[in-house]
Amino acid sequence: MDALAVPPPSCLGEVCWSNDQVSPVCWGMSLKQFNDFVAACRSTSVWALACEKGHVNLYDVVTSLVKPWTRNTGCGIALRMNPKEVLQAELMVSHSWSECMDQCAEALSKFCTRQKNLEDLAVILWFCAFAQYQSGDDPGDRGPTVAEQLALDPFGSVIRTLTSSGLGMVVIQTSLADVYSRLWCVYEIAEAVDSKAKVSMAYSQRALETRSGSFEEMLRARTSRASCRDPSGEQMIRQKVQQAGGFSRLDSIIFTFRLQAFQEMMHELHESTRDQLRSEIQKMMGHGGTDDVLEQERFRVAEEGLEQLEDARLYQGSGGLRFILYSICLGPLALVLCILALPFMILCAPCILLYRHSLKSKTEPAVARFMADDPEAPVAAERRSQRKEHRQGDPSARRKEDAGPPAPASYGAARGAGIAEPRRDASESGSDVGESFGDAGEDDELMLKRLEMAKKMAPQLFS
C-alpha cells in the first residue's frame, strides 16, 4: 500500500506551523475538517486496498496516508489544515486505533449533532492521530518525535483546559474494538476524572445493534487488562492511573457513563434491540446477575428509561395525529368566526366613538352653565383654599380636624355619673355636626344645593 504516488488532498494547506512551536491545546481541527480529511482518505486507492481485509482502521490511515502526506514538515494534519490561524480544542476525542474509521466518523458526527445549541460542524476537535505529528520517528525526519511531543503532556494539558471551558471529552466505541483495551485511552479517562472534566460516550450504530456478550458485559470495563505498544509508555501510564485512584475506580466510573450514554441513545436503537435489553436488565435484577446494590439501582434506572422512551414514542405519535385532527376540524370554524366578527367590529367602532362624542357635547355646556349661574361657587372655593393652607401650616389643627367633631361637655359628665346619654334624632345630630365643624357644615349645605341645581339643569347626568 504505497501512498507516495497518492498526491496530498486539496484540504491540506501550506506548511506554516510546526508542532514543537504551537501549544498542544491549539492542535485542533473542526468537525467539518475532520470529515473532509476522512472523505479525502476514503477516495484514495490505499483506502480501497485496506478495505479488502474487512475495514479500515486508524493504523492503516496513519501509516499509509498521514505519514507520507506530512513527512519532513514537522506539522500534523490539524495544523496543516489551518495555515492562517490555529484552532483551540473544544472537545477531546478518546478512541482506539484499531476501530473502524467509518464507524468512528459516524459516532462522532452523531454525538456533536445531539449537543444542544451547537452547530455540529463548527466543533473544534482534538483527535490525537491528526493532532500530533506522526512522522517524527521515521529515519531522517526533521521531527519533532512522538516522545518529544508526549513530553509536552498533550493529553493532560488539553483535558485540563477543557475542564473550565468546552465540551469535555467524548469516548468513541465501535463494534470492532474495545476502546479500553488501549492503555492510552485508560490514561485519558483517568486524567479526565482527576480533572473533573465532563466525560461523554458515543457509540456507533453497529456497536449498539451488534453485541458479542450480554448487556452487562458491554457496560463493564476492565482497564487493568489494557496494553500499550511502548513498554516505557505503559509503565508511565500505569503509575498515573494509580495516582488518580486506581483501575477499579475507573471501571466503576466507566460503567456509569456507559449506561448514561445508552439511556441518551435509546431512540436510535431498533425496537427489537430495546426489547432484548429490557429482558436482560430484568433478568439481571431478578436473578441476582450482580451483587452490587449500586449496579442494581443503575439497571433499574435503565429499565425505567426504556419504558419512558416507549411511552414517549407512543404519546408523540398519537399527539401528532390529534393535532392534525384538531386542525382539520377547528381550523375552518375559527376562520368563519373571524370573517363574521370583522364586519361587526368595523361597524361598531364608529358608532361607539360617535355616541361618546355626542354625550360629551351635551354634558359639558350644562356643567359650564351651572358653574356660571352659581354665585356661591367662588366663595366656597376660596374657603376650601384657606382651610387647606391652615391645615398645612398648623399640624395640630390638622389632627383636630382629622379626629372629628368634639364631644359635647354634657357627654363626659353623663358618663362620669353613670347616666346614659339621651338618643338624639337625625335633625339634632345634623345641627351638632354643623356647629362643631363650623365652615364644614356650611360647605355640606352648599354642596346639597349645588347637587339639586345640577340635577335640574342636567338630568341626564343622574340617569
Protein backbone atom coordinates (compact mmCIF):
# COMPACT_ATOMS: atom_id res chain seq x y z
CA MET A 1 0.00 0.00 0.00
CA ASP A 2 2.47 2.62 -1.23
CA ALA A 3 0.98 6.09 -0.85
CA LEU A 4 3.89 8.02 -2.33
CA ALA A 5 2.06 8.12 -5.65
CA VAL A 6 -1.09 9.49 -3.97
CA PRO A 7 -0.96 13.29 -4.03
CA PRO A 8 -1.98 15.19 -0.88
CA PRO A 9 -5.64 16.21 -0.91
CA SER A 10 -6.66 19.80 -1.56
CA CYS A 11 -7.91 20.19 2.03
CA LEU A 12 -4.29 20.24 3.26
CA GLY A 13 -2.88 23.77 3.17
CA GLU A 14 0.62 25.17 3.17
CA VAL A 15 3.04 24.26 5.96
CA CYS A 16 3.06 27.31 8.23
CA TRP A 17 3.38 25.73 11.67
CA SER A 18 5.34 23.06 13.49
CA ASN A 19 4.04 21.00 16.38
CA ASP A 20 7.01 21.97 18.54
CA GLN A 21 6.18 25.67 18.06
CA VAL A 22 2.44 25.56 18.89
CA SER A 23 0.85 24.67 22.22
CA PRO A 24 -0.80 21.21 22.18
CA VAL A 25 -4.14 22.80 23.15
CA CYS A 26 -4.15 24.51 19.73
CA TRP A 27 -3.63 21.34 17.70
CA GLY A 28 -7.35 21.37 16.93
CA MET A 29 -9.46 20.90 13.80
CA SER A 30 -13.17 21.42 13.19
CA LEU A 31 -15.54 18.52 12.74
CA LYS A 32 -16.05 19.63 9.13
CA GLN A 33 -12.30 19.46 8.53
CA PHE A 34 -12.21 16.03 10.17
CA ASN A 35 -14.96 14.76 7.87
CA ASP A 36 -13.32 16.36 4.83
CA PHE A 37 -10.00 14.69 5.57
CA VAL A 38 -11.59 11.26 6.16
CA ALA A 39 -13.51 11.67 2.89
CA ALA A 40 -10.25 12.52 1.11
CA CYS A 41 -8.64 9.37 2.53
CA ARG A 42 -11.68 7.31 1.55
CA SER A 43 -11.36 8.41 -2.08
CA THR A 44 -7.80 7.02 -2.45
CA SER A 45 -6.77 3.64 -3.79
CA VAL A 46 -4.96 2.99 -0.49
CA TRP A 47 -8.31 3.01 1.32
CA ALA A 48 -9.77 0.57 -1.18
CA LEU A 49 -6.87 -1.83 -0.65
CA ALA A 50 -7.24 -1.61 3.13
CA CYS A 51 -10.93 -2.42 2.84
CA GLU A 52 -10.07 -5.85 1.45
CA LYS A 53 -9.33 -7.07 4.98
CA GLY A 54 -12.82 -6.01 6.11
CA HIS A 55 -12.45 -2.47 7.40
CA VAL A 56 -10.01 0.46 7.54
CA ASN A 57 -8.61 1.30 10.95
CA LEU A 58 -6.51 4.22 12.14
CA TYR A 59 -3.25 2.29 11.82
CA ASP A 60 -3.96 1.96 8.09
CA VAL A 61 -4.74 5.66 7.69
CA VAL A 62 -1.72 6.90 9.66
CA THR A 63 0.82 4.52 8.15
CA SER A 64 -0.30 4.72 4.52
CA LEU A 65 -1.66 8.27 4.21
CA VAL A 66 -0.96 10.61 7.15
CA LYS A 67 2.79 9.95 7.34
CA PRO A 68 3.53 10.22 3.58
CA TRP A 69 1.48 13.42 3.33
CA THR A 70 3.23 15.13 6.28
CA ARG A 71 6.79 13.68 6.18
CA ASN A 72 9.64 16.15 6.90
CA THR A 73 7.20 19.01 7.58
CA GLY A 74 7.02 18.80 11.39
CA CYS A 75 3.36 19.74 11.02
CA GLY A 76 0.44 17.46 11.90
CA ILE A 77 -2.75 17.18 9.88
CA ALA A 78 -4.74 19.59 12.09
CA LEU A 79 -2.12 22.36 11.86
CA ARG A 80 -1.68 21.69 8.15
CA MET A 81 -5.41 22.27 7.57
CA ASN A 82 -5.30 25.62 9.41
CA PRO A 83 -2.40 27.57 7.86
CA LYS A 84 -3.82 31.01 8.72
CA GLU A 85 -4.91 30.53 12.33
CA VAL A 86 -4.57 27.65 14.80
CA LEU A 87 -7.72 26.36 16.50
CA GLN A 88 -8.02 25.74 20.24
CA ALA A 89 -9.73 22.45 21.05
CA GLU A 90 -13.27 22.37 22.48
CA LEU A 91 -13.81 18.60 22.52
CA MET A 92 -11.23 15.87 23.07
CA VAL A 93 -11.86 12.56 21.29
CA SER A 94 -10.73 9.38 23.03
CA HIS A 95 -10.70 6.37 20.70
CA SER A 96 -9.00 3.15 19.78
CA TRP A 97 -6.65 2.97 16.81
CA SER A 98 -8.00 -0.50 15.97
CA GLU A 99 -11.52 0.79 15.43
CA CYS A 100 -13.28 1.12 12.09
CA MET A 101 -12.74 4.66 10.80
CA ASP A 102 -16.17 4.79 9.16
CA GLN A 103 -17.87 3.90 12.44
CA CYS A 104 -15.69 6.40 14.31
CA ALA A 105 -16.66 9.26 12.00
CA GLU A 106 -20.34 8.26 12.21
CA ALA A 107 -20.40 8.11 16.03
CA LEU A 108 -18.54 11.41 16.36
CA SER A 109 -20.87 13.25 13.97
CA LYS A 110 -23.99 11.92 15.73
CA PHE A 111 -22.63 12.93 19.13
CA CYS A 112 -21.96 16.51 18.02
CA THR A 113 -25.41 16.72 16.45
CA ARG A 114 -27.05 15.65 19.72
CA GLN A 115 -25.47 18.50 21.64
CA LYS A 116 -27.97 21.32 22.26
CA ASN A 117 -27.39 24.85 20.95
CA LEU A 118 -24.40 23.68 19.00
CA GLU A 119 -23.55 23.87 15.32
CA ASP A 120 -22.11 20.40 14.89
CA LEU A 121 -19.72 21.22 12.04
CA ALA A 122 -18.15 24.08 13.99
CA VAL A 123 -16.98 21.97 16.95
CA ILE A 124 -13.18 22.08 17.36
CA LEU A 125 -11.87 18.54 17.94
CA TRP A 126 -8.62 17.24 19.40
CA PHE A 127 -8.10 13.92 17.60
CA CYS A 128 -4.69 12.54 18.56
CA ALA A 129 -3.80 10.85 15.26
CA PHE A 130 -4.44 14.07 13.34
CA ALA A 131 -3.31 16.48 16.08
CA GLN A 132 0.19 15.07 16.65
CA TYR A 133 2.94 14.92 14.09
CA GLN A 134 3.23 11.21 13.28
CA SER A 135 6.36 11.01 11.11
CA GLY A 136 8.87 12.27 13.66
CA ASP A 137 10.22 8.80 14.50
CA ASP A 138 10.95 7.88 10.87
CA PRO A 139 14.69 7.74 9.94
CA GLY A 140 15.96 11.07 8.70
CA ASP A 141 12.81 13.02 9.58
CA ARG A 142 13.24 16.53 10.98
CA GLY A 143 10.86 15.87 13.90
CA PRO A 144 9.56 16.53 16.44
CA THR A 145 9.46 12.91 17.55
CA VAL A 146 6.48 11.37 19.26
CA ALA A 147 8.42 11.25 22.55
CA GLU A 148 9.22 14.96 22.29
CA GLN A 149 5.57 15.73 21.76
CA LEU A 150 4.48 13.47 24.64
CA ALA A 151 6.92 15.34 26.89
CA LEU A 152 4.60 18.36 26.46
CA ASP A 153 1.83 16.29 28.12
CA PRO A 154 -0.65 17.00 25.29
CA PHE A 155 -3.43 14.74 26.60
CA GLY A 156 -3.32 16.07 30.15
CA SER A 157 -2.99 19.74 29.14
CA VAL A 158 -5.92 19.53 26.72
CA ILE A 159 -8.17 17.77 29.22
CA ARG A 160 -7.33 20.24 31.98
CA THR A 161 -8.09 23.13 29.62
CA LEU A 162 -11.49 21.64 28.75
CA THR A 163 -12.43 21.41 32.43
CA SER A 164 -13.30 25.11 32.64
CA SER A 165 -14.47 25.56 29.05
CA GLY A 166 -15.51 23.43 26.10
CA LEU A 167 -17.43 20.17 25.86
CA GLY A 168 -15.01 17.95 27.78
CA MET A 169 -14.11 14.54 26.40
CA VAL A 170 -16.10 12.05 24.33
CA VAL A 171 -15.15 8.37 24.21
CA ILE A 172 -15.83 6.63 20.88
CA GLN A 173 -16.91 2.99 20.98
CA THR A 174 -17.26 0.97 17.77
CA SER A 175 -18.21 -2.64 17.19
CA LEU A 176 -14.72 -3.82 16.21
CA ALA A 177 -12.52 -2.69 19.11
CA ASP A 178 -12.94 -2.06 22.82
CA VAL A 179 -11.68 1.44 23.45
CA TYR A 180 -10.34 0.50 26.90
CA SER A 181 -8.12 -2.25 25.57
CA ARG A 182 -5.81 0.65 24.62
CA LEU A 183 -3.88 1.89 27.65
CA TRP A 184 -3.65 5.44 26.31
CA CYS A 185 -7.47 5.66 26.44
CA VAL A 186 -7.35 4.48 30.06
CA TYR A 187 -4.87 7.27 30.77
CA GLU A 188 -7.16 9.81 29.10
CA ILE A 189 -10.20 8.82 31.17
CA ALA A 190 -8.05 8.85 34.33
CA GLU A 191 -6.90 12.41 33.53
CA ALA A 192 -10.48 13.48 32.78
CA VAL A 193 -11.80 12.05 36.07
CA ASP A 194 -8.93 13.56 38.05
CA SER A 195 -9.52 16.97 36.41
CA LYS A 196 -13.32 16.69 36.91
CA ALA A 197 -13.89 17.25 33.19
CA LYS A 198 -17.15 16.28 31.56
CA VAL A 199 -17.00 12.78 30.04
CA SER A 200 -19.47 11.50 27.43
CA MET A 201 -19.79 8.30 25.43
CA ALA A 202 -20.58 7.92 21.72
CA TYR A 203 -21.48 4.55 20.18
CA SER A 204 -21.61 3.74 16.50
CA GLN A 205 -24.86 2.26 15.22
CA ARG A 206 -23.26 -1.18 14.71
CA ALA A 207 -21.90 -1.11 18.26
CA LEU A 208 -25.45 -0.51 19.53
CA GLU A 209 -27.08 -3.18 17.40
CA THR A 210 -24.43 -5.95 17.49
CA ARG A 211 -23.02 -7.35 20.72
CA SER A 212 -20.84 -10.39 21.32
CA GLY A 213 -21.81 -10.67 25.01
CA SER A 214 -24.53 -9.62 27.42
CA PHE A 215 -25.62 -6.07 28.09
CA GLU A 216 -23.84 -6.18 31.44
CA GLU A 217 -20.58 -7.19 29.76
CA MET A 218 -21.00 -4.36 27.29
CA LEU A 219 -21.19 -1.84 30.14
CA ARG A 220 -18.28 -3.23 32.13
CA ALA A 221 -14.67 -2.21 31.55
CA ARG A 222 -11.54 -3.99 32.75
CA THR A 223 -8.97 -1.27 32.40
CA SER A 224 -6.22 -3.20 34.19
CA ARG A 225 -6.01 -5.53 31.15
CA ALA A 226 -5.27 -2.68 28.72
CA SER A 227 -1.93 -2.69 26.94
CA CYS A 228 0.41 -0.31 25.17
CA ARG A 229 2.90 -0.93 22.36
CA ASP A 230 5.61 1.13 24.04
CA PRO A 231 6.84 -0.55 27.30
CA SER A 232 8.18 2.74 28.73
CA GLY A 233 4.89 4.49 27.98
CA GLU A 234 2.94 1.67 29.60
CA GLN A 235 4.86 1.99 32.86
CA MET A 236 4.30 5.75 32.94
CA ILE A 237 0.56 5.40 32.28
CA ARG A 238 0.04 2.75 34.97
CA GLN A 239 1.74 4.97 37.53
CA LYS A 240 -0.51 7.91 36.62
CA VAL A 241 -3.65 5.75 36.82
CA GLN A 242 -2.67 4.50 40.28
CA GLN A 243 -2.12 8.08 41.39
CA ALA A 244 -5.60 9.02 40.09
CA GLY A 245 -7.33 6.34 42.21
CA GLY A 246 -6.60 3.01 40.58
CA PHE A 247 -8.10 0.80 37.89
CA SER A 248 -11.09 -0.43 39.93
CA ARG A 249 -12.31 3.12 40.47
CA LEU A 250 -12.06 3.78 36.75
CA ASP A 251 -14.05 0.62 35.96
CA SER A 252 -16.93 1.82 38.15
CA ILE A 253 -16.90 5.31 36.60
CA ILE A 254 -16.82 3.90 33.07
CA PHE A 255 -19.79 1.65 33.89
CA THR A 256 -21.78 4.72 34.98
CA PHE A 257 -21.25 6.92 31.94
CA ARG A 258 -21.62 3.99 29.52
CA LEU A 259 -25.06 3.31 30.99
CA GLN A 260 -25.89 7.00 30.79
CA ALA A 261 -24.86 7.03 27.13
CA PHE A 262 -27.19 4.11 26.43
CA GLN A 263 -30.07 5.97 28.02
CA GLU A 264 -29.40 9.02 25.83
CA MET A 265 -29.24 6.94 22.65
CA MET A 266 -32.20 4.61 23.26
CA HIS A 267 -34.21 6.27 20.49
CA GLU A 268 -31.52 5.20 17.99
CA LEU A 269 -31.97 1.52 18.87
CA HIS A 270 -34.19 -0.79 16.90
CA GLU A 271 -37.36 -1.84 18.72
CA SER A 272 -36.25 -5.47 18.93
CA THR A 273 -32.92 -4.37 20.47
CA ARG A 274 -34.75 -2.32 23.11
CA ASP A 275 -36.93 -5.32 23.98
CA GLN A 276 -33.84 -7.52 24.29
CA LEU A 277 -32.11 -5.00 26.57
CA ARG A 278 -35.21 -4.76 28.76
CA SER A 279 -35.38 -8.54 29.19
CA GLU A 280 -31.65 -8.71 30.03
CA ILE A 281 -31.97 -5.95 32.64
CA GLN A 282 -34.97 -7.65 34.26
CA LYS A 283 -33.11 -10.97 34.30
CA MET A 284 -30.05 -9.45 35.97
CA MET A 285 -32.17 -7.70 38.58
CA GLY A 286 -34.45 -10.62 39.27
CA HIS A 287 -31.97 -13.48 39.31
CA GLY A 288 -29.03 -11.84 41.04
CA GLY A 289 -26.96 -11.22 37.93
CA THR A 290 -24.96 -8.77 40.04
CA ASP A 291 -24.40 -8.48 43.79
CA ASP A 292 -23.59 -4.78 43.71
CA VAL A 293 -26.55 -2.81 45.10
CA LEU A 294 -25.42 0.33 43.27
CA GLU A 295 -25.30 -1.50 39.94
CA GLN A 296 -28.77 -2.96 40.56
CA GLU A 297 -30.04 0.60 41.05
CA ARG A 298 -28.39 1.65 37.77
CA PHE A 299 -30.07 -1.22 35.94
CA ARG A 300 -33.41 -0.21 37.46
CA VAL A 301 -32.91 3.34 36.17
CA ALA A 302 -32.05 1.97 32.73
CA GLU A 303 -35.23 -0.11 32.68
CA GLU A 304 -37.30 2.92 33.63
CA GLY A 305 -35.58 4.85 30.85
CA LEU A 306 -36.62 2.19 28.32
CA GLU A 307 -40.24 2.32 29.50
CA GLN A 308 -40.32 6.13 29.42
CA LEU A 309 -38.85 6.10 25.93
CA GLU A 310 -41.56 3.71 24.74
CA ASP A 311 -44.33 5.78 26.36
CA ALA A 312 -42.91 8.98 24.87
CA ARG A 313 -42.76 7.41 21.41
CA LEU A 314 -46.41 6.33 21.61
CA TYR A 315 -47.52 9.68 23.03
CA GLN A 316 -45.69 11.63 20.35
CA GLY A 317 -47.28 9.53 17.64
CA SER A 318 -50.81 9.92 19.00
CA GLY A 319 -50.19 13.59 19.84
CA GLY A 320 -49.29 14.36 16.24
CA LEU A 321 -52.44 12.63 14.99
CA ARG A 322 -54.63 14.55 17.46
CA PHE A 323 -53.07 17.84 16.40
CA ILE A 324 -53.83 17.09 12.74
CA LEU A 325 -57.45 16.17 13.51
CA TYR A 326 -57.99 19.28 15.65
CA SER A 327 -56.51 21.46 12.93
CA ILE A 328 -58.80 19.94 10.29
CA CYS A 329 -61.95 20.32 12.42
CA LEU A 330 -61.36 23.64 14.20
CA GLY A 331 -59.43 25.48 11.51
CA PRO A 332 -62.42 26.26 9.22
CA LEU A 333 -64.60 27.16 12.23
CA ALA A 334 -62.06 29.67 13.51
CA LEU A 335 -61.77 31.16 10.02
CA VAL A 336 -65.59 31.60 9.73
CA LEU A 337 -65.77 33.28 13.15
CA CYS A 338 -63.04 35.72 12.21
CA ILE A 339 -64.80 36.58 8.92
CA LEU A 340 -68.13 37.16 10.73
CA ALA A 341 -66.60 39.24 13.51
CA LEU A 342 -64.65 41.56 11.22
CA PRO A 343 -67.68 43.48 9.74
CA PHE A 344 -69.23 43.76 13.20
CA MET A 345 -66.07 45.35 14.59
CA ILE A 346 -65.80 47.70 11.59
CA LEU A 347 -69.42 48.88 12.01
CA CYS A 348 -69.49 49.13 15.80
CA ALA A 349 -66.27 51.09 16.30
CA PRO A 350 -67.54 54.35 14.63
CA CYS A 351 -70.88 54.06 16.43
CA ILE A 352 -69.22 53.86 19.83
CA LEU A 353 -66.97 56.84 19.08
CA LEU A 354 -69.96 58.92 17.81
CA TYR A 355 -72.03 58.12 20.93
CA ARG A 356 -69.22 59.18 23.27
CA HIS A 357 -68.70 62.41 21.34
CA SER A 358 -72.42 63.32 21.44
CA LEU A 359 -72.65 62.59 25.18
CA LYS A 360 -69.64 64.79 25.86
CA SER A 361 -71.07 67.64 23.75
CA LYS A 362 -74.34 67.55 25.76
CA THR A 363 -72.92 67.41 29.26
CA GLU A 364 -70.07 69.92 29.01
CA PRO A 365 -72.33 73.00 28.23
CA ALA A 366 -74.70 72.08 31.03
CA VAL A 367 -71.92 71.85 33.57
CA ALA A 368 -70.41 75.13 32.36
CA ARG A 369 -73.78 76.93 32.72
CA PHE A 370 -74.22 75.52 36.19
CA MET A 371 -70.83 76.78 37.33
CA ALA A 372 -71.51 80.21 35.81
CA ASP A 373 -75.00 80.54 37.44
CA ASP A 374 -73.83 79.51 40.93
CA PRO A 375 -72.94 82.75 42.84
CA GLU A 376 -71.52 80.90 45.83
CA ALA A 377 -69.04 78.77 43.88
CA PRO A 378 -66.13 81.28 44.13
CA VAL A 379 -66.75 81.77 47.85
CA ALA A 380 -66.72 78.02 48.51
CA ALA A 381 -63.52 77.60 46.52
CA GLU A 382 -61.83 80.40 48.46
CA ARG A 383 -62.95 78.85 51.76
CA ARG A 384 -61.53 75.48 50.83
CA SER A 385 -58.23 77.07 49.81
CA GLN A 386 -57.93 78.89 53.16
CA ARG A 387 -58.70 75.74 55.13
CA LYS A 388 -56.07 73.82 53.15
CA GLU A 389 -53.42 76.47 53.88
CA HIS A 390 -54.39 76.42 57.57
CA ARG A 391 -54.01 72.64 57.74
CA GLN A 392 -50.60 72.74 56.06
CA GLY A 393 -49.32 75.48 58.40
CA ASP A 394 -50.64 74.08 61.71
CA PRO A 395 -50.24 70.29 62.22
CA SER A 396 -52.24 70.41 65.46
CA ALA A 397 -55.24 71.87 63.64
CA ARG A 398 -54.97 69.09 61.04
CA ARG A 399 -55.03 66.46 63.81
CA LYS A 400 -58.10 68.11 65.40
CA GLU A 401 -59.99 68.11 62.11
CA ASP A 402 -58.96 64.51 61.37
CA ALA A 403 -60.21 63.43 64.80
CA GLY A 404 -63.76 64.55 64.00
CA PRO A 405 -66.15 66.83 65.97
CA PRO A 406 -65.50 67.33 69.70
CA ALA A 407 -67.83 65.55 72.09
CA PRO A 408 -70.34 67.79 74.00
CA ALA A 409 -69.44 68.69 77.61
CA SER A 410 -72.58 67.00 78.88
CA TYR A 411 -71.39 63.71 77.37
CA GLY A 412 -68.36 63.50 79.67
CA ALA A 413 -70.40 64.47 82.75
CA ALA A 414 -73.09 61.97 81.96
CA ARG A 415 -70.53 59.16 81.52
CA GLY A 416 -68.84 60.13 84.81
CA ALA A 417 -72.18 59.96 86.68
CA GLY A 418 -73.12 56.66 85.04
CA ILE A 419 -76.10 58.25 83.27
CA ALA A 420 -76.90 57.07 79.79
CA GLU A 421 -76.72 59.71 77.10
CA PRO A 422 -80.16 60.50 75.61
CA ARG A 423 -80.60 59.40 71.99
CA ARG A 424 -80.70 62.29 69.51
CA ASP A 425 -82.75 62.37 66.37
CA ALA A 426 -81.38 63.00 62.94
CA SER A 427 -82.11 66.74 62.93
CA GLU A 428 -80.27 67.31 66.20
CA SER A 429 -77.36 65.25 65.06
CA GLY A 430 -77.04 67.22 61.85
CA SER A 431 -77.18 70.51 63.75
CA ASP A 432 -74.47 69.47 66.17
CA VAL A 433 -72.22 68.35 63.36
CA GLY A 434 -72.70 71.61 61.52
CA GLU A 435 -71.94 73.67 64.61
CA SER A 436 -68.90 71.62 65.59
CA PHE A 437 -67.32 71.69 62.15
CA GLY A 438 -68.07 75.35 61.51
CA ASP A 439 -67.38 76.04 57.86
CA ALA A 440 -67.58 72.35 57.01
CA GLY A 441 -71.29 72.29 57.82
CA GLU A 442 -71.94 75.26 55.59
CA ASP A 443 -69.99 73.56 52.80
CA ASP A 444 -72.14 70.45 53.10
CA GLU A 445 -75.31 72.51 52.86
CA LEU A 446 -73.90 74.34 49.88
CA MET A 447 -72.96 71.04 48.23
CA LEU A 448 -76.54 69.77 48.64
CA LYS A 449 -77.90 72.89 47.00
CA ARG A 450 -75.48 72.56 44.11
CA LEU A 451 -76.36 68.93 43.58
CA GLU A 452 -80.08 69.79 43.44
CA MET A 453 -79.41 72.54 40.93
CA ALA A 454 -77.22 70.26 38.81
CA LYS A 455 -79.93 67.59 38.81
CA LYS A 456 -82.47 70.07 37.46
CA MET A 457 -80.15 71.51 34.81
CA ALA A 458 -78.55 68.27 33.61
CA PRO A 459 -80.83 65.35 34.49
CA GLN A 460 -79.01 63.09 32.00
CA LEU A 461 -76.01 63.01 34.36
CA PHE A 462 -78.10 61.31 37.07
CA SER A 463 -79.98 58.84 34.91
